[in-house]
Amino acid sequence: MARISLNVDGRDHVIEAEPEMPLLYALRDDLELSNPHFGCGLAQCGACTVHVDGQPVRSCVAPLSSVEGHRVTTLAGLGTQENPHPLQVAYVEEAVPQCGYCLNGWVMTAAAFLRDHPNPTDSEIREALNDVLCRCGTHMAILRAVKRAAAQMG
């Protein structure tokens, strides 16, 4: 066990954990955050995506030791109810959520992508989100939401 210092959504935390423990477990179990979600545990579905220093990272395979001293942002830290991120607004406006389990991965991946690509084409959006999975089949609504958010942000 080690004392691990984390900055999550702008707040500093210290937890006692093994350095190789996945970040996801610390976020959900130690910090009691409801997002990100555990999906596959193999970094293949995206449900666990967070930002580390602004870059999307699959927290189910990121050891705590790899994020100590870095800024971790979860879906809850992306926006607030009073000031939501444009993607959060667009997902509601486009009625994207069905079961909602995968939304964390879609929003966090798209947010990092849109930051670096403010005027994306449909094919660029599809490529950027290619590795995030949704079993409900809301892919077309997700594409519309990302395009809507890009227009609002641009």
Protein backbone atom coordinates (compact mmCIF):
# COMPACT_ATOMS: atom_id res chain seq x y z
CA MET A 1 0.00 0.00 0.00
CA ALA A 2 1.09 3.53 -0.74
CA ARG A 3 -0.29 7.02 -0.26
CA ILE A 4 -1.34 8.19 -3.73
CA SER A 5 -2.12 11.86 -4.38
CA LEU A 6 -4.78 12.52 -7.01
CA ASN A 7 -6.31 15.68 -8.42
CA VAL A 8 -9.78 14.76 -9.64
CA ASP A 9 -12.16 17.37 -11.04
CA GLY A 10 -10.06 20.12 -9.50
CA ARG A 11 -9.98 18.63 -6.00
CA ASP A 12 -6.95 17.09 -4.32
CA HIS A 13 -7.29 13.65 -2.73
CA VAL A 14 -4.94 11.23 -1.01
CA ILE A 15 -5.84 7.56 -0.95
CA GLU A 16 -4.14 4.45 0.41
CA ALA A 17 -3.85 1.96 -2.44
CA GLU A 18 -1.54 -0.23 -4.45
CA PRO A 19 0.17 1.87 -7.18
CA GLU A 20 -0.83 -0.67 -9.86
CA MET A 21 -4.54 -0.51 -8.95
CA PRO A 22 -6.61 0.78 -11.88
CA LEU A 23 -7.63 4.42 -11.62
CA LEU A 24 -11.24 3.37 -12.23
CA TYR A 25 -11.35 1.49 -8.94
CA ALA A 26 -10.03 4.49 -7.01
CA LEU A 27 -12.55 6.81 -8.65
CA ARG A 28 -15.54 4.59 -7.98
CA ASP A 29 -14.60 2.84 -4.73
CA ASP A 30 -12.39 5.31 -2.87
CA LEU A 31 -13.79 8.62 -4.16
CA GLU A 32 -17.34 7.22 -4.60
CA LEU A 33 -17.87 8.77 -8.04
CA SER A 34 -20.68 7.32 -10.14
CA ASN A 35 -18.87 8.03 -13.39
CA PRO A 36 -16.86 6.62 -15.09
CA HIS A 37 -18.41 3.18 -15.48
CA PHE A 38 -16.87 -0.28 -15.49
CA GLY A 39 -17.59 -1.80 -18.89
CA CYS A 40 -15.21 -4.41 -20.21
CA GLY A 41 -12.16 -3.95 -17.98
CA LEU A 42 -9.97 -4.29 -21.08
CA ALA A 43 -9.96 -0.71 -22.47
CA GLN A 44 -12.12 -1.83 -25.40
CA CYS A 45 -15.53 -0.21 -24.78
CA GLY A 46 -14.82 3.30 -23.47
CA ALA A 47 -17.29 3.38 -20.57
CA CYS A 48 -14.42 4.14 -18.19
CA THR A 49 -12.93 7.08 -20.13
CA VAL A 50 -11.61 10.06 -18.20
CA HIS A 51 -9.26 12.87 -19.19
CA VAL A 52 -5.74 12.93 -17.81
CA ASP A 53 -4.26 16.36 -18.47
CA GLY A 54 -6.94 16.79 -21.12
CA GLN A 55 -6.30 13.54 -22.99
CA PRO A 56 -8.80 10.67 -23.01
CA VAL A 57 -7.59 7.68 -20.99
CA ARG A 58 -9.27 4.35 -20.30
CA SER A 59 -9.25 4.33 -16.51
CA CYS A 60 -9.86 0.58 -16.24
CA VAL A 61 -6.28 -0.10 -17.35
CA ALA A 62 -4.49 3.06 -16.15
CA PRO A 63 -2.57 2.32 -12.95
CA LEU A 64 -2.82 4.90 -10.19
CA SER A 65 0.93 5.42 -10.40
CA SER A 66 0.53 6.74 -13.96
CA VAL A 67 -1.80 9.58 -12.93
CA GLU A 68 -0.21 10.80 -9.72
CA GLY A 69 0.70 14.45 -10.22
CA HIS A 70 -1.65 14.82 -13.21
CA ARG A 71 -5.11 16.37 -13.54
CA VAL A 72 -7.91 13.81 -13.85
CA THR A 73 -11.26 15.02 -15.16
CA THR A 74 -14.38 12.88 -15.04
CA LEU A 75 -17.73 13.50 -16.69
CA ALA A 76 -18.83 15.27 -13.51
CA GLY A 77 -15.90 17.67 -13.85
CA LEU A 78 -16.50 18.42 -17.53
CA GLY A 79 -19.45 20.67 -16.76
CA THR A 80 -21.92 21.52 -14.05
CA GLN A 81 -25.71 21.71 -13.97
CA GLU A 82 -25.41 25.48 -14.01
CA ASN A 83 -22.76 25.51 -16.75
CA PRO A 84 -22.86 22.23 -18.70
CA HIS A 85 -20.35 21.37 -21.40
CA PRO A 86 -21.81 21.90 -24.91
CA LEU A 87 -21.69 18.13 -25.47
CA GLN A 88 -23.79 17.52 -22.38
CA VAL A 89 -26.37 20.01 -23.67
CA ALA A 90 -26.31 18.55 -27.19
CA TYR A 91 -26.77 14.97 -25.93
CA VAL A 92 -29.95 16.05 -24.14
CA GLU A 93 -31.20 18.11 -27.09
CA GLU A 94 -30.65 15.20 -29.49
CA ALA A 95 -32.26 12.73 -27.06
CA VAL A 96 -29.18 10.49 -27.18
CA PRO A 97 -29.48 8.66 -23.84
CA GLN A 98 -31.20 5.33 -23.76
CA CYS A 99 -29.68 3.15 -21.08
CA GLY A 100 -26.94 5.78 -20.59
CA TYR A 101 -24.26 3.34 -19.52
CA CYS A 102 -21.88 4.22 -22.36
CA LEU A 103 -22.45 8.00 -22.36
CA ASN A 104 -19.42 8.65 -20.19
CA GLY A 105 -17.14 7.22 -22.88
CA TRP A 106 -18.82 8.99 -25.77
CA VAL A 107 -18.88 12.41 -24.12
CA MET A 108 -15.36 12.27 -22.70
CA THR A 109 -13.86 11.02 -25.97
CA ALA A 110 -15.79 13.56 -28.05
CA ALA A 111 -14.88 16.44 -25.70
CA ALA A 112 -11.15 15.81 -26.15
CA PHE A 113 -11.63 15.39 -29.91
CA LEU A 114 -13.64 18.61 -30.33
CA ARG A 115 -11.11 20.59 -28.34
CA ASP A 116 -8.49 19.72 -30.98
CA HIS A 117 -10.84 19.59 -34.02
CA PRO A 118 -13.36 22.45 -33.76
CA ASN A 119 -14.87 21.95 -37.25
CA PRO A 120 -14.87 18.20 -37.83
CA THR A 121 -16.36 16.36 -40.78
CA ASP A 122 -18.71 13.43 -40.26
CA SER A 123 -15.93 10.99 -41.17
CA GLU A 124 -13.53 12.63 -38.69
CA ILE A 125 -16.13 12.33 -35.93
CA ARG A 126 -16.77 8.68 -36.79
CA GLU A 127 -13.04 7.93 -36.78
CA ALA A 128 -12.49 9.70 -33.44
CA LEU A 129 -15.34 7.77 -31.80
CA ASN A 130 -14.66 4.45 -33.50
CA ASP A 131 -13.42 2.74 -30.34
CA VAL A 132 -16.38 3.63 -28.10
CA LEU A 133 -19.21 1.13 -27.94
CA CYS A 134 -22.97 1.51 -27.51
CA ARG A 135 -25.23 -1.51 -27.40
CA CYS A 136 -28.44 0.55 -27.67
CA GLY A 137 -27.63 1.69 -31.19
CA THR A 138 -27.87 5.45 -30.69
CA HIS A 139 -24.92 6.08 -33.01
CA MET A 140 -26.75 8.45 -35.37
CA ALA A 141 -28.06 10.54 -32.48
CA ILE A 142 -24.54 10.64 -31.04
CA LEU A 143 -23.18 11.86 -34.37
CA ARG A 144 -25.84 14.60 -34.48
CA ALA A 145 -25.06 15.62 -30.90
CA VAL A 146 -21.32 15.88 -31.57
CA LYS A 147 -21.99 17.96 -34.70
CA ARG A 148 -24.39 20.20 -32.73
CA ALA A 149 -21.83 20.69 -29.95
CA ALA A 150 -19.09 21.47 -32.49
CA ALA A 151 -21.31 24.14 -34.05
CA GLN A 152 -22.05 25.63 -30.61
CA MET A 153 -18.38 25.59 -29.62
CA GLY A 154 -17.11 26.97 -32.95
